[in-house]
Amino acid sequence: MDGARSSTLSAPRTRESFGIWAVKASFCRYVEALPDGFCAVSYDVRRLEGGQFVLPGTLSESGDRITWSSPASLRFTGHGGMLSVGVGELRLELAHTPGSLFVTPEPDADPLRLATASVAARSDSAVLVDLALTAEGAALFGDNYPPGEPLDSLRLVVAPES
């Protein structure tokens, strides 16, 4: 009976994808305006003309459940090292509202819940996700933004099949 039941469940659909995200555009502009402001990127991250980062990842969908992960990392620095904000190894989990965006702020650190997440729009090839800082996320940004402050939306796009 279990074999018959499990054959009717749909397997998650997993596809190569990329996330397009500016993190928080005002924060990026602030860092870039500093005399020593810099954003270091890793793992095949590209930056678009509009300031958004293109992050490689994997998108998995099963019904209303959406999971996206990226090994990419970004590090914003400035003020002689007094400013250092890391956003790496992103993992988005949406099964109910609100979902969560987890990041690893430092190598070998435990992931933290950066933001709550909710689907703003969805098609077969893309998902637009609205994000708002959690208390942990606000602390990562030095409490310069309050919990609930919107981050830029994250757009997940399925990579074209080759």
Protein backbone atom coordinates (compact mmCIF):
# COMPACT_ATOMS: atom_id res chain seq x y z
CA MET A 1 0.00 0.00 0.00
CA ASP A 2 2.82 2.42 0.85
CA GLY A 3 4.37 1.78 -2.56
CA ALA A 4 1.11 2.71 -4.32
CA ARG A 5 0.70 5.80 -2.16
CA SER A 6 4.25 7.03 -2.70
CA SER A 7 3.93 6.62 -6.47
CA THR A 8 1.11 9.21 -6.50
CA LEU A 9 3.18 11.85 -4.68
CA SER A 10 4.91 14.26 -6.99
CA ALA A 11 8.66 14.45 -6.71
CA PRO A 12 10.17 17.89 -6.18
CA ARG A 13 11.23 19.60 -9.39
CA THR A 14 14.81 20.80 -9.01
CA ARG A 15 16.39 23.14 -11.56
CA GLU A 16 19.51 25.21 -11.92
CA SER A 17 18.66 28.84 -11.35
CA PHE A 18 20.02 32.16 -10.31
CA GLY A 19 18.87 34.80 -7.88
CA ILE A 20 18.90 38.47 -8.78
CA TRP A 21 19.15 40.56 -5.63
CA ALA A 22 20.42 44.00 -4.64
CA VAL A 23 20.32 43.05 -0.92
CA LYS A 24 19.31 46.58 0.18
CA ALA A 25 20.12 49.12 -2.51
CA SER A 26 20.50 52.04 -0.07
CA PHE A 27 23.01 50.02 1.98
CA CYS A 28 25.03 49.13 -1.14
CA ARG A 29 25.09 52.78 -2.21
CA TYR A 30 26.22 53.81 1.28
CA VAL A 31 29.08 51.27 1.31
CA GLU A 32 30.17 52.19 -2.22
CA ALA A 33 30.25 55.91 -1.29
CA LEU A 34 32.75 55.30 1.54
CA PRO A 35 36.38 56.09 0.69
CA ASP A 36 37.32 52.48 1.54
CA GLY A 37 33.91 50.91 0.87
CA PHE A 38 34.00 47.64 -0.98
CA CYS A 39 31.86 44.63 -1.78
CA ALA A 40 33.79 41.41 -2.28
CA VAL A 41 31.96 38.65 -4.13
CA SER A 42 32.73 34.99 -4.60
CA TYR A 43 31.57 31.90 -6.39
CA ASP A 44 30.74 33.19 -9.85
CA VAL A 45 28.70 36.16 -8.65
CA ARG A 46 28.11 38.84 -11.28
CA ARG A 47 26.85 42.36 -10.79
CA LEU A 48 24.33 43.95 -13.12
CA GLU A 49 24.42 47.57 -14.21
CA GLY A 50 21.48 48.36 -11.92
CA GLY A 51 23.45 47.16 -8.88
CA GLN A 52 21.80 43.76 -8.42
CA PHE A 53 23.93 40.71 -7.80
CA VAL A 54 23.39 37.57 -9.88
CA LEU A 55 23.82 34.56 -7.60
CA PRO A 56 24.03 31.00 -8.97
CA GLY A 57 21.75 28.53 -7.24
CA THR A 58 19.36 25.62 -7.28
CA LEU A 59 15.57 25.99 -7.16
CA SER A 60 13.40 23.14 -5.91
CA GLU A 61 9.59 23.25 -6.09
CA SER A 62 7.01 20.80 -4.85
CA GLY A 63 3.45 22.12 -4.74
CA ASP A 64 3.52 25.31 -2.66
CA ARG A 65 6.94 24.48 -1.19
CA ILE A 66 9.86 26.42 -2.68
CA THR A 67 13.48 25.98 -1.66
CA TRP A 68 16.39 27.87 -3.20
CA SER A 69 20.03 27.70 -2.22
CA SER A 70 23.19 29.40 -3.40
CA PRO A 71 26.81 28.83 -2.36
CA ALA A 72 27.59 32.45 -3.27
CA SER A 73 28.82 35.01 -0.77
CA LEU A 74 29.01 38.79 -0.55
CA ARG A 75 31.02 40.82 1.96
CA PHE A 76 30.49 44.54 2.44
CA THR A 77 33.35 46.38 4.17
CA GLY A 78 34.30 49.94 5.04
CA HIS A 79 35.23 52.36 7.82
CA GLY A 80 38.68 50.81 8.20
CA GLY A 81 37.19 47.39 8.89
CA MET A 82 34.63 48.60 11.43
CA LEU A 83 31.91 47.81 8.88
CA SER A 84 31.87 44.19 7.80
CA VAL A 85 28.64 42.52 6.76
CA GLY A 86 28.74 39.04 5.25
CA VAL A 87 25.91 37.35 3.39
CA GLY A 88 26.82 33.87 2.21
CA GLU A 89 25.46 30.40 1.55
CA LEU A 90 21.93 31.69 1.05
CA ARG A 91 19.00 29.34 1.63
CA LEU A 92 15.39 30.34 1.04
CA GLU A 93 12.59 28.18 2.45
CA LEU A 94 8.99 28.89 1.55
CA ALA A 95 6.43 26.37 2.69
CA HIS A 96 4.05 28.71 4.48
CA THR A 97 3.87 32.43 4.89
CA PRO A 98 6.12 33.81 6.08
CA GLY A 99 9.02 31.78 4.80
CA SER A 100 12.63 32.46 5.68
CA LEU A 101 15.89 33.52 4.06
CA PHE A 102 18.88 32.11 5.91
CA VAL A 103 22.47 33.28 5.37
CA THR A 104 25.85 32.39 6.80
CA PRO A 105 27.51 35.67 7.84
CA GLU A 106 31.03 34.26 8.34
CA PRO A 107 32.84 31.13 7.16
CA ASP A 108 32.17 28.27 9.60
CA ALA A 109 29.41 30.25 11.36
CA ASP A 110 25.92 28.92 11.93
CA PRO A 111 23.27 30.20 9.51
CA LEU A 112 21.02 32.95 10.76
CA ARG A 113 17.52 33.89 9.71
CA LEU A 114 18.15 37.15 7.86
CA ALA A 115 14.63 37.83 6.66
CA THR A 116 11.06 36.69 6.47
CA ALA A 117 10.00 35.85 2.94
CA SER A 118 6.76 35.80 0.99
CA VAL A 119 5.98 35.11 -2.65
CA ALA A 120 4.97 38.31 -4.47
CA ALA A 121 4.63 36.72 -7.93
CA ARG A 122 5.26 33.32 -9.48
CA SER A 123 5.43 31.82 -12.96
CA ASP A 124 6.85 28.56 -14.32
CA SER A 125 10.27 30.14 -14.85
CA ALA A 126 10.53 32.77 -12.08
CA VAL A 127 9.57 33.58 -8.50
CA LEU A 128 9.60 37.07 -6.99
CA VAL A 129 10.11 37.03 -3.23
CA ASP A 130 9.53 39.97 -0.87
CA LEU A 131 11.90 40.07 2.12
CA ALA A 132 11.82 41.86 5.49
CA LEU A 133 14.57 41.86 8.13
CA THR A 134 14.23 39.72 11.23
CA ALA A 135 15.76 40.77 14.58
CA GLU A 136 18.79 38.59 13.72
CA GLY A 137 19.03 40.26 10.31
CA ALA A 138 18.81 43.73 11.83
CA ALA A 139 21.68 42.82 14.20
CA LEU A 140 23.79 41.68 11.23
CA PHE A 141 23.42 45.19 9.79
CA GLY A 142 24.51 46.71 13.13
CA ASP A 143 20.89 47.54 14.06
CA ASN A 144 20.96 50.38 11.51
CA TYR A 145 17.67 49.01 10.18
CA PRO A 146 14.81 47.83 12.42
CA PRO A 147 13.26 44.37 12.29
CA GLY A 148 10.54 44.38 9.64
CA GLU A 149 12.50 46.78 7.37
CA PRO A 150 12.05 45.65 3.77
CA LEU A 151 15.08 44.39 1.89
CA ASP A 152 15.12 44.47 -1.89
CA SER A 153 13.03 41.69 -3.42
CA LEU A 154 14.80 38.54 -4.52
CA ARG A 155 13.99 37.36 -8.05
CA LEU A 156 14.64 33.68 -8.71
CA VAL A 157 14.96 32.79 -12.38
CA VAL A 158 15.29 29.30 -13.81
CA ALA A 159 18.42 28.94 -15.92
CA PRO A 160 17.75 28.12 -19.58
CA GLU A 161 18.26 24.46 -20.40
CA SER A 162 21.17 23.76 -22.69
